[in-house]
Amino acid sequence: MIEPTSWWKAKIVTWVAEHTPKCHDMTRLISQSQDGPLPLGTRVKMWLHYRICVWCERYRDQLGFIGKAMRGCRHEHGAELPDDAKERLKRALREKR
């Protein structure tokens, strides 16, 4: 027989899992959240998902760390591509499609 506390925990985790994005969708949402703010409802669902999924929380933290490190490197070294180099890269990427 399941203990009452375990039963309630299982029910809560099941409810949260059914009402929040799946991990596959969370990875996309985490990336989008770094580009700009997401709607409040989406952020709340993501927050709930983090309460039951340590892996998505770690993924969010790792992306945040990488982004912060990249911004630090860019400012530290003054690495900014010239406009013509940016255009060449964009053209090359379009041609690969």
PDB file of N, CA and C in Angstrom:
ATOM      1  N   MET A   1       0.835  -1.187   0.000  1.00  0.00           N
ATOM      2  CA  MET A   1       0.000   0.000   0.000  1.00  0.00           C
ATOM      3  C   MET A   1       0.879   1.251   0.000  1.00  0.00           C
ATOM      4  N   ILE A   2       0.477   2.261  -0.756  1.00  0.00           N
ATOM      5  CA  ILE A   2       1.231   3.514  -0.851  1.00  0.00           C
ATOM      6  C   ILE A   2       0.914   4.384   0.361  1.00  0.00           C
ATOM      7  N   GLU A   3       1.946   4.997   0.920  1.00  0.00           N
ATOM      8  CA  GLU A   3       1.738   5.895   2.042  1.00  0.00           C
ATOM      9  C   GLU A   3       0.957   7.125   1.568  1.00  0.00           C
ATOM     10  N   PRO A   4       0.139   7.721   2.453  1.00  0.00           N
ATOM     11  CA  PRO A   4      -0.647   8.895   2.051  1.00  0.00           C
ATOM     12  C   PRO A   4       0.194  10.040   1.499  1.00  0.00           C
ATOM     13  N   THR A   5       1.344  10.307   2.103  1.00  0.00           N
ATOM     14  CA  THR A   5       2.160  11.413   1.604  1.00  0.00           C
ATOM     15  C   THR A   5       2.686  11.111   0.203  1.00  0.00           C
ATOM     16  N   SER A   6       3.072   9.887  -0.032  1.00  0.00           N
ATOM     17  CA  SER A   6       3.550   9.499  -1.360  1.00  0.00           C
ATOM     18  C   SER A   6       2.420   9.547  -2.375  1.00  0.00           C
ATOM     19  N   TRP A   7       1.225   9.167  -1.953  1.00  0.00           N
ATOM     20  CA  TRP A   7       0.068   9.190  -2.848  1.00  0.00           C
ATOM     21  C   TRP A   7      -0.208  10.614  -3.297  1.00  0.00           C
ATOM     22  N   TRP A   8      -0.207  11.569  -2.383  1.00  0.00           N
ATOM     23  CA  TRP A   8      -0.453  12.972  -2.732  1.00  0.00           C
ATOM     24  C   TRP A   8       0.647  13.522  -3.622  1.00  0.00           C
ATOM     25  N   LYS A   9       1.878  13.180  -3.313  1.00  0.00           N
ATOM     26  CA  LYS A   9       2.991  13.643  -4.141  1.00  0.00           C
ATOM     27  C   LYS A   9       2.853  13.120  -5.564  1.00  0.00           C
ATOM     28  N   ALA A  10       2.499  11.845  -5.680  1.00  0.00           N
ATOM     29  CA  ALA A  10       2.323  11.249  -7.010  1.00  0.00           C
ATOM     30  C   ALA A  10       1.196  11.931  -7.766  1.00  0.00           C
ATOM     31  N   LYS A  11       0.100  12.232  -7.093  1.00  0.00           N
ATOM     32  CA  LYS A  11      -1.031  12.913  -7.733  1.00  0.00           C
ATOM     33  C   LYS A  11      -0.629  14.307  -8.218  1.00  0.00           C
ATOM     34  N   ILE A  12       0.099  15.036  -7.382  1.00  0.00           N
ATOM     35  CA  ILE A  12       0.524  16.390  -7.746  1.00  0.00           C
ATOM     36  C   ILE A  12       1.470  16.353  -8.939  1.00  0.00           C
ATOM     37  N   VAL A  13       2.441  15.464  -8.895  1.00  0.00           N
ATOM     38  CA  VAL A  13       3.402  15.355  -9.994  1.00  0.00           C
ATOM     39  C   VAL A  13       2.689  14.964 -11.285  1.00  0.00           C
ATOM     40  N   THR A  14       1.754  14.035 -11.198  1.00  0.00           N
ATOM     41  CA  THR A  14       0.990  13.620 -12.378  1.00  0.00           C
ATOM     42  C   THR A  14       0.194  14.785 -12.945  1.00  0.00           C
ATOM     43  N   TRP A  15      -0.455  15.554 -12.063  1.00  0.00           N
ATOM     44  CA  TRP A  15      -1.249  16.706 -12.523  1.00  0.00           C
ATOM     45  C   TRP A  15      -0.357  17.728 -13.204  1.00  0.00           C
ATOM     46  N   VAL A  16       0.776  18.038 -12.595  1.00  0.00           N
ATOM     47  CA  VAL A  16       1.697  19.018 -13.181  1.00  0.00           C
ATOM     48  C   VAL A  16       2.196  18.525 -14.535  1.00  0.00           C
ATOM     49  N   ALA A  17       2.542  17.252 -14.614  1.00  0.00           N
ATOM     50  CA  ALA A  17       3.039  16.687 -15.872  1.00  0.00           C
ATOM     51  C   ALA A  17       1.996  16.753 -16.979  1.00  0.00           C
ATOM     52  N   GLU A  18       0.730  16.593 -16.622  1.00  0.00           N
ATOM     53  CA  GLU A  18      -0.347  16.633 -17.623  1.00  0.00           C
ATOM     54  C   GLU A  18      -0.683  18.053 -18.063  1.00  0.00           C
ATOM     55  N   HIS A  19      -0.355  19.051 -17.260  1.00  0.00           N
ATOM     56  CA  HIS A  19      -0.767  20.425 -17.546  1.00  0.00           C
ATOM     57  C   HIS A  19       0.392  21.361 -17.891  1.00  0.00           C
ATOM     58  N   THR A  20       1.561  20.812 -18.077  1.00  0.00           N
ATOM     59  CA  THR A  20       2.709  21.626 -18.478  1.00  0.00           C
ATOM     60  C   THR A  20       3.310  21.049 -19.752  1.00  0.00           C
ATOM     61  N   PRO A  21       4.156  21.834 -20.439  1.00  0.00           N
ATOM     62  CA  PRO A  21       4.768  21.320 -21.668  1.00  0.00           C
ATOM     63  C   PRO A  21       5.632  20.087 -21.400  1.00  0.00           C
ATOM     64  N   LYS A  22       5.739  19.251 -22.404  1.00  0.00           N
ATOM     65  CA  LYS A  22       6.630  18.089 -22.328  1.00  0.00           C
ATOM     66  C   LYS A  22       8.074  18.578 -22.435  1.00  0.00           C
ATOM     67  N   CYS A  23       9.013  17.761 -22.007  1.00  0.00           N
ATOM     68  CA  CYS A  23      10.427  18.145 -22.016  1.00  0.00           C
ATOM     69  C   CYS A  23      10.887  18.562 -23.415  1.00  0.00           C
ATOM     70  N   HIS A  24      10.422  17.852 -24.430  1.00  0.00           N
ATOM     71  CA  HIS A  24      10.792  18.182 -25.812  1.00  0.00           C
ATOM     72  C   HIS A  24      10.386  19.615 -26.137  1.00  0.00           C
ATOM     73  N   ASP A  25       9.195  20.016 -25.726  1.00  0.00           N
ATOM     74  CA  ASP A  25       8.716  21.376 -25.972  1.00  0.00           C
ATOM     75  C   ASP A  25       9.424  22.385 -25.072  1.00  0.00           C
ATOM     76  N   MET A  26       9.804  21.950 -23.886  1.00  0.00           N
ATOM     77  CA  MET A  26      10.492  22.839 -22.956  1.00  0.00           C
ATOM     78  C   MET A  26      11.824  23.318 -23.525  1.00  0.00           C
ATOM     79  N   THR A  27      12.545  22.454 -24.222  1.00  0.00           N
ATOM     80  CA  THR A  27      13.834  22.869 -24.767  1.00  0.00           C
ATOM     81  C   THR A  27      13.645  24.021 -25.752  1.00  0.00           C
ATOM     82  N   ARG A  28      12.616  23.948 -26.569  1.00  0.00           N
ATOM     83  CA  ARG A  28      12.318  25.028 -27.518  1.00  0.00           C
ATOM     84  C   ARG A  28      11.920  26.294 -26.774  1.00  0.00           C
ATOM     85  N   LEU A  29      11.070  26.150 -25.766  1.00  0.00           N
ATOM     86  CA  LEU A  29      10.612  27.311 -25.000  1.00  0.00           C
ATOM     87  C   LEU A  29      11.762  27.972 -24.232  1.00  0.00           C
ATOM     88  N   ILE A  30      12.663  27.167 -23.712  1.00  0.00           N
ATOM     89  CA  ILE A  30      13.812  27.715 -22.987  1.00  0.00           C
ATOM     90  C   ILE A  30      14.653  28.562 -23.935  1.00  0.00           C
ATOM     91  N   SER A  31      14.883  28.070 -25.138  1.00  0.00           N
ATOM     92  CA  SER A  31      15.644  28.840 -26.126  1.00  0.00           C
ATOM     93  C   SER A  31      14.917  30.130 -26.483  1.00  0.00           C
ATOM     94  N   GLN A  32      13.606  30.038 -26.688  1.00  0.00           N
ATOM     95  CA  GLN A  32      12.825  31.229 -27.025  1.00  0.00           C
ATOM     96  C   GLN A  32      12.853  32.245 -25.893  1.00  0.00           C
ATOM     97  N   SER A  33      12.873  31.781 -24.668  1.00  0.00           N
ATOM     98  CA  SER A  33      12.864  32.696 -23.525  1.00  0.00           C
ATOM     99  C   SER A  33      14.154  33.506 -23.448  1.00  0.00           C
ATOM    100  N   GLN A  34      15.222  33.014 -24.048  1.00  0.00           N
ATOM    101  CA  GLN A  34      16.468  33.777 -24.053  1.00  0.00           C
ATOM    102  C   GLN A  34      16.445  34.874 -25.113  1.00  0.00           C
ATOM    103  N   ASP A  35      15.573  34.728 -26.106  1.00  0.00           N
ATOM    104  CA  ASP A  35      15.464  35.740 -27.157  1.00  0.00           C
ATOM    105  C   ASP A  35      14.548  36.887 -26.758  1.00  0.00           C
ATOM    106  N   GLY A  36      13.619  36.623 -25.861  1.00  0.00           N
ATOM    107  CA  GLY A  36      12.690  37.661 -25.429  1.00  0.00           C
ATOM    108  C   GLY A  36      11.682  37.075 -24.461  1.00  0.00           C
ATOM    109  N   PRO A  37      10.902  37.946 -23.831  1.00  0.00           N
ATOM    110  CA  PRO A  37       9.941  37.459 -22.833  1.00  0.00           C
ATOM    111  C   PRO A  37       8.811  36.636 -23.467  1.00  0.00           C
ATOM    112  N   LEU A  38       8.420  35.587 -22.784  1.00  0.00           N
ATOM    113  CA  LEU A  38       7.309  34.743 -23.215  1.00  0.00           C
ATOM    114  C   LEU A  38       6.039  35.206 -22.503  1.00  0.00           C
ATOM    115  N   PRO A  39       4.870  34.801 -23.014  1.00  0.00           N
ATOM    116  CA  PRO A  39       3.617  35.148 -22.329  1.00  0.00           C
ATOM    117  C   PRO A  39       3.608  34.614 -20.890  1.00  0.00           C
ATOM    118  N   LEU A  40       2.901  35.300 -20.017  1.00  0.00           N
ATOM    119  CA  LEU A  40       2.856  34.945 -18.604  1.00  0.00           C
ATOM    120  C   LEU A  40       2.393  33.508 -18.387  1.00  0.00           C
ATOM    121  N   GLY A  41       1.354  33.086 -19.096  1.00  0.00           N
ATOM    122  CA  GLY A  41       0.853  31.712 -18.943  1.00  0.00           C
ATOM    123  C   GLY A  41       1.906  30.670 -19.256  1.00  0.00           C
ATOM    124  N   THR A  42       2.680  30.926 -20.295  1.00  0.00           N
ATOM    125  CA  THR A  42       3.747  30.005 -20.680  1.00  0.00           C
ATOM    126  C   THR A  42       4.832  29.972 -19.613  1.00  0.00           C
ATOM    127  N   ARG A  43       5.184  31.131 -19.094  1.00  0.00           N
ATOM    128  CA  ARG A  43       6.216  31.182 -18.050  1.00  0.00           C
ATOM    129  C   ARG A  43       5.772  30.445 -16.792  1.00  0.00           C
ATOM    130  N   VAL A  44       4.491  30.564 -16.441  1.00  0.00           N
ATOM    131  CA  VAL A  44       3.981  29.856 -15.259  1.00  0.00           C
ATOM    132  C   VAL A  44       4.039  28.351 -15.483  1.00  0.00           C
ATOM    133  N   LYS A  45       3.639  27.900 -16.674  1.00  0.00           N
ATOM    134  CA  LYS A  45       3.694  26.469 -16.978  1.00  0.00           C
ATOM    135  C   LYS A  45       5.136  25.959 -16.954  1.00  0.00           C
ATOM    136  N   MET A  46       6.056  26.773 -17.450  1.00  0.00           N
ATOM    137  CA  MET A  46       7.466  26.376 -17.414  1.00  0.00           C
ATOM    138  C   MET A  46       7.952  26.292 -15.967  1.00  0.00           C
ATOM    139  N   TRP A  47       7.567  27.265 -15.140  1.00  0.00           N
ATOM    140  CA  TRP A  47       7.963  27.265 -13.733  1.00  0.00           C
ATOM    141  C   TRP A  47       7.454  25.999 -13.042  1.00  0.00           C
ATOM    142  N   LEU A  48       6.212  25.629 -13.317  1.00  0.00           N
ATOM    143  CA  LEU A  48       5.658  24.401 -12.743  1.00  0.00           C
ATOM    144  C   LEU A  48       6.430  23.174 -13.214  1.00  0.00           C
ATOM    145  N   HIS A  49       6.755  23.158 -14.497  1.00  0.00           N
ATOM    146  CA  HIS A  49       7.500  22.025 -15.052  1.00  0.00           C
ATOM    147  C   HIS A  49       8.856  21.883 -14.350  1.00  0.00           C
ATOM    148  N   TYR A  50       9.522  23.007 -14.079  1.00  0.00           N
ATOM    149  CA  TYR A  50      10.810  22.950 -13.383  1.00  0.00           C
ATOM    150  C   TYR A  50      10.681  22.325 -11.998  1.00  0.00           C
ATOM    151  N   ARG A  51       9.514  22.434 -11.378  1.00  0.00           N
ATOM    152  CA  ARG A  51       9.323  21.863 -10.038  1.00  0.00           C
ATOM    153  C   ARG A  51       9.374  20.342 -10.056  1.00  0.00           C
ATOM    154  N   ILE A  52       9.071  19.734 -11.217  1.00  0.00           N
ATOM    155  CA  ILE A  52       9.061  18.265 -11.287  1.00  0.00           C
ATOM    156  C   ILE A  52      10.168  17.696 -12.176  1.00  0.00           C
ATOM    157  N   CYS A  53      10.906  18.563 -12.889  1.00  0.00           N
ATOM    158  CA  CYS A  53      11.896  18.055 -13.849  1.00  0.00           C
ATOM    159  C   CYS A  53      13.238  18.763 -13.667  1.00  0.00           C
ATOM    160  N   VAL A  54      14.130  18.102 -12.984  1.00  0.00           N
ATOM    161  CA  VAL A  54      15.447  18.671 -12.740  1.00  0.00           C
ATOM    162  C   VAL A  54      16.251  18.774 -14.040  1.00  0.00           C
ATOM    163  N   TRP A  55      15.962  17.921 -15.010  1.00  0.00           N
ATOM    164  CA  TRP A  55      16.733  17.917 -16.262  1.00  0.00           C
ATOM    165  C   TRP A  55      16.476  19.173 -17.082  1.00  0.00           C
ATOM    166  N   CYS A  56      15.238  19.599 -17.162  1.00  0.00           N
ATOM    167  CA  CYS A  56      14.926  20.829 -17.903  1.00  0.00           C
ATOM    168  C   CYS A  56      15.487  22.048 -17.177  1.00  0.00           C
ATOM    169  N   GLU A  57      15.450  22.009 -15.858  1.00  0.00           N
ATOM    170  CA  GLU A  57      16.011  23.104 -15.077  1.00  0.00           C
ATOM    171  C   GLU A  57      17.523  23.201 -15.310  1.00  0.00           C
ATOM    172  N   ARG A  58      18.184  22.066 -15.359  1.00  0.00           N
ATOM    173  CA  ARG A  58      19.628  22.053 -15.634  1.00  0.00           C
ATOM    174  C   ARG A  58      19.920  22.555 -17.041  1.00  0.00           C
ATOM    175  N   TYR A  59      19.086  22.146 -18.002  1.00  0.00           N
ATOM    176  CA  TYR A  59      19.261  22.603 -19.382  1.00  0.00           C
ATOM    177  C   TYR A  59      19.137  24.128 -19.452  1.00  0.00           C
ATOM    178  N   ARG A  60      18.128  24.692 -18.762  1.00  0.00           N
ATOM    179  CA  ARG A  60      17.943  26.146 -18.720  1.00  0.00           C
ATOM    180  C   ARG A  60      19.172  26.819 -18.127  1.00  0.00           C
ATOM    181  N   ASP A  61      19.664  26.275 -17.021  1.00  0.00           N
ATOM    182  CA  ASP A  61      20.836  26.863 -16.370  1.00  0.00           C
ATOM    183  C   ASP A  61      22.071  26.788 -17.271  1.00  0.00           C
ATOM    184  N   GLN A  62      22.238  25.677 -17.981  1.00  0.00           N
ATOM    185  CA  GLN A  62      23.390  25.526 -18.871  1.00  0.00           C
ATOM    186  C   GLN A  62      23.324  26.505 -20.038  1.00  0.00           C
ATOM    187  N   LEU A  63      22.135  26.670 -20.627  1.00  0.00           N
ATOM    188  CA  LEU A  63      22.002  27.636 -21.721  1.00  0.00           C
ATOM    189  C   LEU A  63      22.272  29.050 -21.231  1.00  0.00           C
ATOM    190  N   GLY A  64      21.797  29.349 -20.037  1.00  0.00           N
ATOM    191  CA  GLY A  64      22.058  30.664 -19.458  1.00  0.00           C
ATOM    192  C   GLY A  64      23.541  30.897 -19.239  1.00  0.00           C
ATOM    193  N   PHE A  65      24.233  29.883 -18.743  1.00  0.00           N
ATOM    194  CA  PHE A  65      25.676  29.985 -18.520  1.00  0.00           C
ATOM    195  C   PHE A  65      26.416  30.200 -19.835  1.00  0.00           C
ATOM    196  N   ILE A  66      26.052  29.423 -20.861  1.00  0.00           N
ATOM    197  CA  ILE A  66      26.714  29.543 -22.168  1.00  0.00           C
ATOM    198  C   ILE A  66      26.465  30.936 -22.754  1.00  0.00           C
ATOM    199  N   GLY A  67      25.221  31.409 -22.663  1.00  0.00           N
ATOM    200  CA  GLY A  67      24.903  32.739 -23.183  1.00  0.00           C
ATOM    201  C   GLY A  67      25.680  33.831 -22.472  1.00  0.00           C
ATOM    202  N   LYS A  68      25.776  33.730 -21.163  1.00  0.00           N
ATOM    203  CA  LYS A  68      26.513  34.717 -20.374  1.00  0.00           C
ATOM    204  C   LYS A  68      27.995  34.675 -20.731  1.00  0.00           C
ATOM    205  N   ALA A  69      28.535  33.474 -20.880  1.00  0.00           N
ATOM    206  CA  ALA A  69      29.948  33.332 -21.235  1.00  0.00           C
ATOM    207  C   ALA A  69      30.220  33.915 -22.623  1.00  0.00           C
ATOM    208  N   MET A  70      29.320  33.668 -23.557  1.00  0.00           N
ATOM    209  CA  MET A  70      29.505  34.186 -24.917  1.00  0.00           C
ATOM    210  C   MET A  70      29.433  35.717 -24.938  1.00  0.00           C
ATOM    211  N   ARG A  71      28.495  36.277 -24.188  1.00  0.00           N
ATOM    212  CA  ARG A  71      28.408  37.741 -24.128  1.00  0.00           C
ATOM    213  C   ARG A  71      29.676  38.320 -23.505  1.00  0.00           C
ATOM    214  N   GLY A  72      30.193  37.652 -22.484  1.00  0.00           N
ATOM    215  CA  GLY A  72      31.423  38.113 -21.847  1.00  0.00           C
ATOM    216  C   GLY A  72      32.614  38.066 -22.790  1.00  0.00           C
ATOM    217  N   CYS A  73      32.700  37.014 -23.576  1.00  0.00           N
ATOM    218  CA  CYS A  73      33.805  36.894 -24.533  1.00  0.00           C
ATOM    219  C   CYS A  73      33.719  37.964 -25.613  1.00  0.00           C
ATOM    220  N   ARG A  74      32.524  38.214 -26.080  1.00  0.00           N
ATOM    221  CA  ARG A  74      32.346  39.197 -27.153  1.00  0.00           C
ATOM    222  C   ARG A  74      32.764  40.580 -26.655  1.00  0.00           C
ATOM    223  N   HIS A  75      32.340  40.949 -25.446  1.00  0.00           N
ATOM    224  CA  HIS A  75      32.680  42.272 -24.923  1.00  0.00           C
ATOM    225  C   HIS A  75      34.160  42.358 -24.558  1.00  0.00           C
ATOM    226  N   GLU A  76      34.679  41.265 -24.044  1.00  0.00           N
ATOM    227  CA  GLU A  76      36.075  41.254 -23.604  1.00  0.00           C
ATOM    228  C   GLU A  76      37.033  41.413 -24.771  1.00  0.00           C
ATOM    229  N   HIS A  77      36.723  40.763 -25.874  1.00  0.00           N
ATOM    230  CA  HIS A  77      37.635  40.768 -27.020  1.00  0.00           C
ATOM    231  C   HIS A  77      37.210  41.751 -28.105  1.00  0.00           C
ATOM    232  N   GLY A  78      36.095  42.400 -27.915  1.00  0.00           N
ATOM    233  CA  GLY A  78      35.627  43.334 -28.926  1.00  0.00           C
ATOM    234  C   GLY A  78      35.318  42.638 -30.239  1.00  0.00           C
ATOM    235  N   ALA A  79      34.929  41.375 -30.181  1.00  0.00           N
ATOM    236  CA  ALA A  79      34.698  40.582 -31.386  1.00  0.00           C
ATOM    237  C   ALA A  79      33.333  40.908 -31.973  1.00  0.00           C
ATOM    238  N   GLU A  80      33.336  41.725 -32.971  1.00  0.00           N
ATOM    239  CA  GLU A  80      32.115  42.066 -33.695  1.00  0.00           C
ATOM    240  C   GLU A  80      32.438  41.906 -35.173  1.00  0.00           C
ATOM    241  N   LEU A  81      31.633  41.131 -35.866  1.00  0.00           N
ATOM    242  CA  LEU A  81      31.887  40.918 -37.291  1.00  0.00           C
ATOM    243  C   LEU A  81      31.570  42.181 -38.073  1.00  0.00           C
ATOM    244  N   PRO A  82      32.380  42.473 -39.070  1.00  0.00           N
ATOM    245  CA  PRO A  82      32.051  43.596 -39.959  1.00  0.00           C
ATOM    246  C   PRO A  82      30.757  43.287 -40.720  1.00  0.00           C
ATOM    247  N   ASP A  83      30.063  44.313 -41.149  1.00  0.00           N
ATOM    248  CA  ASP A  83      28.781  44.138 -41.841  1.00  0.00           C
ATOM    249  C   ASP A  83      28.905  43.289 -43.096  1.00  0.00           C
ATOM    250  N   ASP A  84      29.983  43.453 -43.873  1.00  0.00           N
ATOM    251  CA  ASP A  84      30.123  42.667 -45.096  1.00  0.00           C
ATOM    252  C   ASP A  84      30.306  41.175 -44.775  1.00  0.00           C
ATOM    253  N   ALA A  85      31.004  40.862 -43.670  1.00  0.00           N
ATOM    254  CA  ALA A  85      31.175  39.461 -43.272  1.00  0.00           C
ATOM    255  C   ALA A  85      29.838  38.866 -42.842  1.00  0.00           C
ATOM    256  N   LYS A  86      29.021  39.647 -42.146  1.00  0.00           N
ATOM    257  CA  LYS A  86      27.692  39.176 -41.747  1.00  0.00           C
ATOM    258  C   LYS A  86      26.851  38.856 -42.975  1.00  0.00           C
ATOM    259  N   GLU A  87      26.906  39.721 -43.964  1.00  0.00           N
ATOM    260  CA  GLU A  87      26.130  39.503 -45.192  1.00  0.00           C
ATOM    261  C   GLU A  87      26.601  38.261 -45.927  1.00  0.00           C
ATOM    262  N   ARG A  88      27.915  38.026 -45.988  1.00  0.00           N
ATOM    263  CA  ARG A  88      28.443  36.825 -46.637  1.00  0.00           C
ATOM    264  C   ARG A  88      27.958  35.574 -45.918  1.00  0.00           C
ATOM    265  N   LEU A  89      27.952  35.596 -44.595  1.00  0.00           N
ATOM    266  CA  LEU A  89      27.457  34.449 -43.829  1.00  0.00           C
ATOM    267  C   LEU A  89      25.979  34.205 -44.091  1.00  0.00           C
ATOM    268  N   LYS A  90      25.189  35.251 -44.108  1.00  0.00           N
ATOM    269  CA  LYS A  90      23.752  35.114 -44.376  1.00  0.00           C
ATOM    270  C   LYS A  90      23.515  34.529 -45.759  1.00  0.00           C
ATOM    271  N   ARG A  91      24.254  35.018 -46.755  1.00  0.00           N
ATOM    272  CA  ARG A  91      24.116  34.496 -48.125  1.00  0.00           C
ATOM    273  C   ARG A  91      24.477  33.016 -48.178  1.00  0.00           C
ATOM    274  N   ALA A  92      25.567  32.662 -47.524  1.00  0.00           N
ATOM    275  CA  ALA A  92      26.017  31.259 -47.541  1.00  0.00           C
ATOM    276  C   ALA A  92      24.987  30.352 -46.869  1.00  0.00           C
ATOM    277  N   LEU A  93      24.386  30.813 -45.789  1.00  0.00           N
ATOM    278  CA  LEU A  93      23.371  30.006 -45.110  1.00  0.00           C
ATOM    279  C   LEU A  93      22.129  29.849 -45.968  1.00  0.00           C
ATOM    280  N   ARG A  94      21.725  30.909 -46.654  1.00  0.00           N
ATOM    281  CA  ARG A  94      20.557  30.813 -47.544  1.00  0.00           C
ATOM    282  C   ARG A  94      20.814  29.844 -48.683  1.00  0.00           C
ATOM    283  N   GLU A  95      22.022  29.839 -49.221  1.00  0.00           N
ATOM    284  CA  GLU A  95      22.359  28.949 -50.337  1.00  0.00           C
ATOM    285  C   GLU A  95      22.384  27.485 -49.921  1.00  0.00           C
ATOM    286  N   LYS A  96      22.672  27.212 -48.653  1.00  0.00           N
ATOM    287  CA  LYS A  96      22.713  25.827 -48.153  1.00  0.00           C
ATOM    288  C   LYS A  96      21.337  25.202 -48.067  1.00  0.00           C
ATOM    289  N   ARG A  97      20.290  26.020 -47.981  1.00  0.00           N
ATOM    290  CA  ARG A  97      18.919  25.481 -47.863  1.00  0.00           C
ATOM    291  C   ARG A  97      18.531  24.868 -49.114  1.00  0.00           C
TER     292      ARG A  97
END
